[in-house]
Amino acid sequence: MPFKNLRISVNKNYWLVGLMLVSVQVSAQQTVLRSQTISHKSTGRVVATKNIQKNFTENAAPIAQMSSAEEEAKAEKVIIVNKNAPVGVDVNFLPLFGGFEKTENQQVDDQLFLSDCDKNFKNRKEAGEFFSKMGWDYLSEGEKNTAIHRFNLSYLLDNENIDAYWGLGVIEYQQENYSSAIKLMSKGLELSDGQNYVLMVDLATVYIKTALANTNSVIEINQAKKLLENAVKIQPNYSLAYVQLAVVYLFENQPDEAWNQFHKGYELNPAELNREVLAELLSRKDDPKGIFKK
């Protein structure tokens, strides 16, 4: 999505809408690209799992467009217990299978899949990690339906796989389903024992985006600040956390502290200079260190 012609409003918080699209895109993209080096096209496990992939590619091929019933189910975002999916909805392409109860045929397919994985992997945790890596690969290539399916398979193999929740949360963010993204990422963070600072920053970014819907609300922005402060405690050298903290302080109309956080991030990684944040900082107040000029 191009942002070269982004217009920034100095007197209102609306500038944050465009800005945070950039900021969240950076964070979410990082979580996608970090697994690109583990390509599902080159890993040695592909040969061992050829039949598994063949079966699930044929039986659950990605669909170009969701049916209206599927869109309705996806929008609901409520875990449904003991309920079958509406007719025409393929649960394989809903995060965590949409929470629907699977049909008898689907349950049989699941058991066959698990059995195949048991034969090809040391354990289901390892298999879950393999499929979650595939999910990131497909997501980085823009194949969201296939990515959802792979993350779901990872969840099926190991319901404590952090990347399954994280990856699905990124997809939900990209679909602008922010409440669902927060729930999924929060579950992933919970499973990480609260030590995954990159996930913390991603989750904080989604909270900031959610806060934009109601600029009078302090709940989401406080959640974001707490996550970001914890992230820098865990990893003081993670520059993106400081940039996002700068956004939080701009949201709170605290330009002095925003500049402080921005400089911390810039000093750690000048190559990741966020020009949109910089432009807004300069519109609010001159750089106290005199490094950046209007």
Protein backbone atom coordinates (compact mmCIF):
# COMPACT_ATOMS: atom_id res chain seq x y z
CA MET A 1 0.00 0.00 0.00
CA PRO A 2 1.61 3.32 -1.03
CA PHE A 3 1.98 6.06 1.57
CA LYS A 4 4.03 8.62 -0.39
CA ASN A 5 1.08 10.99 -0.71
CA LEU A 6 -0.01 10.66 2.92
CA ARG A 7 -1.32 13.97 4.23
CA ILE A 8 -0.72 14.63 7.90
CA SER A 9 -3.12 16.71 9.97
CA VAL A 10 -1.24 18.60 12.69
CA ASN A 11 -4.16 19.57 14.90
CA LYS A 12 -5.97 16.24 15.11
CA ASN A 13 -5.23 12.63 15.91
CA TYR A 14 -6.48 11.59 12.49
CA TRP A 15 -2.91 11.63 11.16
CA LEU A 16 -2.40 8.51 13.23
CA VAL A 17 -4.77 6.52 11.06
CA GLY A 18 -2.45 6.69 8.09
CA LEU A 19 0.64 6.58 10.25
CA MET A 20 -0.33 3.50 12.15
CA LEU A 21 -1.13 1.67 8.95
CA VAL A 22 2.54 2.15 8.16
CA SER A 23 3.67 1.25 11.67
CA VAL A 24 1.55 -1.87 11.96
CA GLN A 25 2.54 -2.91 8.46
CA VAL A 26 6.19 -2.75 9.46
CA SER A 27 5.56 -4.82 12.59
CA ALA A 28 3.33 -7.38 10.96
CA GLN A 29 5.58 -7.67 7.92
CA GLN A 30 8.55 -8.34 10.17
CA THR A 31 6.79 -11.27 11.76
CA VAL A 32 6.10 -12.62 8.30
CA LEU A 33 9.54 -12.07 6.82
CA ARG A 34 11.45 -13.52 9.77
CA SER A 35 10.51 -17.00 8.58
CA GLN A 36 11.30 -16.46 4.91
CA THR A 37 14.74 -17.98 5.40
CA ILE A 38 13.02 -21.22 6.37
CA SER A 39 11.35 -21.81 3.04
CA HIS A 40 8.86 -24.63 2.71
CA LYS A 41 10.22 -25.09 -0.81
CA SER A 42 13.73 -25.97 0.36
CA THR A 43 13.38 -27.71 3.70
CA GLY A 44 14.31 -31.37 3.82
CA ARG A 45 11.00 -32.18 5.46
CA VAL A 46 9.14 -31.56 2.21
CA VAL A 47 10.14 -34.91 0.80
CA ALA A 48 9.15 -36.72 3.96
CA THR A 49 5.76 -35.03 4.02
CA LYS A 50 4.99 -35.11 0.30
CA ASN A 51 1.92 -37.29 0.72
CA ILE A 52 0.63 -35.18 3.62
CA GLN A 53 0.91 -32.04 1.51
CA LYS A 54 -0.69 -33.71 -1.50
CA ASN A 55 -3.70 -34.87 0.48
CA PHE A 56 -4.36 -31.54 2.10
CA THR A 57 -3.70 -29.52 -1.02
CA GLU A 58 -6.25 -31.53 -2.97
CA ASN A 59 -8.87 -31.66 -0.24
CA ALA A 60 -8.55 -28.10 0.95
CA ALA A 61 -7.47 -25.97 -1.99
CA PRO A 62 -7.49 -22.21 -1.30
CA ILE A 63 -10.56 -20.41 -2.55
CA ALA A 64 -10.28 -17.08 -4.34
CA GLN A 65 -13.38 -15.57 -2.78
CA MET A 66 -15.31 -16.48 0.34
CA SER A 67 -18.99 -17.14 0.12
CA SER A 68 -21.36 -14.76 1.86
CA ALA A 69 -21.99 -17.40 4.51
CA GLU A 70 -18.25 -17.71 5.14
CA GLU A 71 -17.84 -13.94 5.35
CA GLU A 72 -20.65 -13.84 7.91
CA ALA A 73 -19.03 -16.57 9.98
CA LYS A 74 -15.65 -14.84 9.82
CA ALA A 75 -17.14 -11.52 10.88
CA GLU A 76 -18.84 -12.99 13.92
CA LYS A 77 -15.55 -13.77 15.67
CA VAL A 78 -17.17 -15.68 18.49
CA ILE A 79 -16.06 -19.17 19.43
CA ILE A 80 -19.07 -21.40 18.83
CA VAL A 81 -19.31 -24.56 20.87
CA ASN A 82 -21.01 -27.67 19.53
CA LYS A 83 -22.15 -25.91 16.39
CA ASN A 84 -21.57 -27.00 12.82
CA ALA A 85 -20.38 -24.49 10.25
CA PRO A 86 -23.03 -23.01 7.92
CA VAL A 87 -23.48 -24.76 4.60
CA GLY A 88 -20.81 -23.71 2.13
CA VAL A 89 -18.29 -22.63 4.77
CA ASP A 90 -14.94 -24.42 4.74
CA VAL A 91 -13.62 -24.26 8.31
CA ASN A 92 -10.09 -24.93 7.10
CA PHE A 93 -9.89 -21.30 6.00
CA LEU A 94 -11.23 -19.80 9.23
CA PRO A 95 -8.78 -19.02 12.07
CA LEU A 96 -8.76 -21.92 14.54
CA PHE A 97 -11.37 -23.52 12.28
CA GLY A 98 -13.83 -20.80 13.30
CA GLY A 99 -14.50 -22.62 16.56
CA PHE A 100 -17.02 -24.81 14.75
CA GLU A 101 -17.59 -28.45 15.53
CA LYS A 102 -16.25 -30.54 12.68
CA THR A 103 -18.28 -33.00 10.67
CA GLU A 104 -17.62 -36.71 10.94
CA ASN A 105 -15.77 -36.69 7.61
CA GLN A 106 -13.62 -33.78 8.70
CA GLN A 107 -12.75 -35.56 11.94
CA VAL A 108 -11.70 -38.63 9.97
CA ASP A 109 -9.52 -36.44 7.72
CA ASP A 110 -7.93 -34.91 10.82
CA GLN A 111 -7.09 -38.32 12.24
CA LEU A 112 -5.52 -39.42 8.95
CA PHE A 113 -3.48 -36.24 8.85
CA LEU A 114 -2.29 -36.68 12.43
CA SER A 115 -1.43 -40.30 11.75
CA ASP A 116 0.66 -39.31 8.71
CA CYS A 117 2.47 -36.68 10.75
CA ASP A 118 3.17 -39.20 13.52
CA LYS A 119 4.96 -41.32 10.94
CA ASN A 120 7.04 -38.49 9.48
CA PHE A 121 7.98 -36.39 12.50
CA LYS A 122 9.63 -37.08 15.83
CA ASN A 123 6.59 -35.71 17.65
CA ARG A 124 3.58 -33.48 17.06
CA LYS A 125 5.30 -30.42 18.48
CA GLU A 126 7.96 -30.67 15.77
CA ALA A 127 5.27 -31.22 13.14
CA GLY A 128 3.37 -28.18 14.41
CA GLU A 129 6.49 -26.05 14.09
CA PHE A 130 6.97 -27.26 10.52
CA PHE A 131 3.45 -26.28 9.48
CA SER A 132 3.58 -22.92 11.28
CA LYS A 133 6.79 -22.10 9.37
CA MET A 134 4.95 -22.96 6.18
CA GLY A 135 2.17 -20.62 7.28
CA TRP A 136 4.62 -17.72 7.58
CA ASP A 137 6.08 -18.56 4.18
CA TYR A 138 2.69 -18.53 2.48
CA LEU A 139 1.68 -15.36 4.29
CA SER A 140 4.83 -13.58 3.12
CA GLU A 141 3.85 -14.61 -0.43
CA GLY A 142 0.37 -13.15 -0.02
CA GLU A 143 -1.43 -16.50 -0.01
CA LYS A 144 -3.57 -15.84 3.04
CA ASN A 145 -6.03 -18.71 2.68
CA THR A 146 -3.22 -21.24 2.40
CA ALA A 147 -1.45 -19.58 5.32
CA ILE A 148 -4.60 -19.84 7.46
CA HIS A 149 -4.88 -23.52 6.60
CA ARG A 150 -1.25 -24.22 7.53
CA PHE A 151 -1.53 -22.31 10.82
CA ASN A 152 -4.71 -24.26 11.57
CA LEU A 153 -2.90 -27.53 10.93
CA SER A 154 -0.16 -26.37 13.26
CA TYR A 155 -2.81 -25.65 15.91
CA LEU A 156 -4.37 -29.06 15.31
CA LEU A 157 -1.01 -30.71 15.92
CA ASP A 158 -0.09 -28.58 18.92
CA ASN A 159 -2.62 -26.22 20.47
CA GLU A 160 0.22 -24.53 22.36
CA ASN A 161 2.11 -23.51 19.22
CA ILE A 162 2.77 -19.79 19.65
CA ASP A 163 3.23 -19.11 15.95
CA ALA A 164 -0.18 -20.57 15.11
CA TYR A 165 -1.91 -17.89 17.19
CA TRP A 166 0.55 -15.20 16.17
CA GLY A 167 0.29 -15.88 12.45
CA LEU A 168 -3.49 -16.05 12.52
CA GLY A 169 -3.48 -12.82 14.53
CA VAL A 170 -1.42 -11.10 11.84
CA ILE A 171 -3.89 -12.27 9.20
CA GLU A 172 -6.84 -11.04 11.26
CA TYR A 173 -5.10 -7.68 11.59
CA GLN A 174 -4.63 -7.52 7.83
CA GLN A 175 -8.35 -8.26 7.47
CA GLU A 176 -9.05 -5.39 9.92
CA ASN A 177 -10.52 -7.81 12.47
CA TYR A 178 -8.67 -6.13 15.30
CA SER A 179 -10.57 -7.64 18.22
CA SER A 180 -9.88 -11.15 16.94
CA ALA A 181 -6.24 -10.25 16.25
CA ILE A 182 -5.83 -9.10 19.85
CA LYS A 183 -7.35 -12.30 21.22
CA LEU A 184 -5.16 -14.52 19.07
CA MET A 185 -1.92 -12.63 19.70
CA SER A 186 -2.69 -12.39 23.42
CA LYS A 187 -3.05 -16.16 23.56
CA GLY A 188 0.27 -16.55 21.78
CA LEU A 189 1.92 -14.15 24.20
CA GLU A 190 0.44 -16.02 27.14
CA LEU A 191 1.95 -19.26 25.84
CA SER A 192 5.34 -17.56 25.44
CA ASP A 193 5.43 -16.81 29.18
CA GLY A 194 5.38 -13.12 28.31
CA GLN A 195 8.95 -13.06 27.00
CA ASN A 196 8.40 -12.69 23.24
CA TYR A 197 9.22 -9.01 22.77
CA VAL A 198 8.55 -9.01 19.01
CA LEU A 199 5.06 -10.38 19.57
CA MET A 200 4.58 -7.79 22.32
CA VAL A 201 5.29 -5.00 19.86
CA ASP A 202 2.95 -6.49 17.27
CA LEU A 203 0.18 -6.81 19.83
CA ALA A 204 0.83 -3.27 21.09
CA THR A 205 0.55 -1.97 17.54
CA VAL A 206 -2.85 -3.59 17.10
CA TYR A 207 -3.98 -2.02 20.39
CA ILE A 208 -2.88 1.38 19.08
CA LYS A 209 -4.82 0.82 15.86
CA THR A 210 -7.87 -0.15 17.90
CA ALA A 211 -7.52 2.98 20.02
CA LEU A 212 -7.81 5.11 16.90
CA ALA A 213 -11.45 4.11 16.63
CA ASN A 214 -12.09 6.05 19.85
CA THR A 215 -9.50 8.70 20.60
CA ASN A 216 -11.13 9.36 23.98
CA SER A 217 -10.42 5.84 25.17
CA VAL A 218 -7.30 5.30 27.26
CA ILE A 219 -7.67 1.55 27.78
CA GLU A 220 -6.12 0.39 24.51
CA ILE A 221 -3.35 3.00 24.51
CA ASN A 222 -2.42 2.07 28.08
CA GLN A 223 -2.30 -1.60 27.09
CA ALA A 224 -0.02 -0.70 24.21
CA LYS A 225 2.28 1.35 26.42
CA LYS A 226 2.53 -1.43 28.99
CA LEU A 227 3.43 -3.99 26.32
CA LEU A 228 6.02 -1.72 24.72
CA GLU A 229 7.64 -0.86 28.03
CA ASN A 230 7.89 -4.57 28.85
CA ALA A 231 9.34 -5.24 25.41
CA VAL A 232 12.22 -2.81 25.89
CA LYS A 233 12.90 -4.23 29.33
CA ILE A 234 13.31 -7.67 27.78
CA GLN A 235 15.23 -6.44 24.72
CA PRO A 236 16.55 -2.87 25.12
CA ASN A 237 18.01 -2.97 21.61
CA TYR A 238 14.75 -3.53 19.74
CA SER A 239 14.41 -0.25 17.86
CA LEU A 240 10.85 -0.74 16.64
CA ALA A 241 9.56 -0.78 20.22
CA TYR A 242 10.89 2.74 20.78
CA VAL A 243 9.35 4.01 17.55
CA GLN A 244 5.99 2.64 18.62
CA LEU A 245 6.41 4.23 22.04
CA ALA A 246 6.99 7.52 20.25
CA VAL A 247 3.64 7.02 18.51
CA VAL A 248 1.97 6.33 21.87
CA TYR A 249 3.34 9.55 23.37
CA LEU A 250 2.30 11.53 20.31
CA PHE A 251 -1.17 10.07 20.73
CA GLU A 252 -1.07 11.33 24.34
CA ASN A 253 0.18 14.73 23.14
CA GLN A 254 3.53 14.39 24.90
CA PRO A 255 5.98 15.47 22.16
CA ASP A 256 9.00 15.75 24.48
CA GLU A 257 8.81 12.10 25.53
CA ALA A 258 7.90 11.11 21.97
CA TRP A 259 11.14 12.70 20.74
CA ASN A 260 13.06 10.91 23.49
CA GLN A 261 11.72 7.51 22.43
CA PHE A 262 12.19 8.24 18.74
CA HIS A 263 15.86 9.12 19.26
CA LYS A 264 16.41 5.89 21.18
CA GLY A 265 15.07 3.89 18.27
CA TYR A 266 16.98 5.92 15.69
CA GLU A 267 20.28 5.56 17.53
CA LEU A 268 19.82 1.79 17.64
CA ASN A 269 18.93 1.45 13.97
CA PRO A 270 19.17 4.55 11.74
CA ALA A 271 18.28 2.43 8.70
CA GLU A 272 14.74 1.95 10.03
CA LEU A 273 13.97 5.66 10.26
CA ASN A 274 10.18 6.11 10.15
CA ARG A 275 9.70 9.28 8.15
CA GLU A 276 5.98 9.51 8.89
CA VAL A 277 6.59 9.57 12.63
CA LEU A 278 9.45 12.01 12.13
CA ALA A 279 7.25 14.37 10.10
CA GLU A 280 4.63 14.43 12.83
CA LEU A 281 7.22 15.00 15.53
CA LEU A 282 8.65 17.97 13.64
CA SER A 283 5.14 19.38 13.17
CA ARG A 284 4.60 19.25 16.92
CA LYS A 285 7.97 20.45 18.16
CA ASP A 286 11.50 21.07 16.91
CA ASP A 287 13.99 18.30 17.52
CA PRO A 288 15.50 18.99 21.00
CA LYS A 289 18.81 17.49 19.83
CA GLY A 290 18.86 19.46 16.60
CA ILE A 291 19.54 16.37 14.49
CA PHE A 292 16.40 16.59 12.38
CA LYS A 293 15.11 19.75 10.71
CA LYS A 294 11.81 20.65 9.10
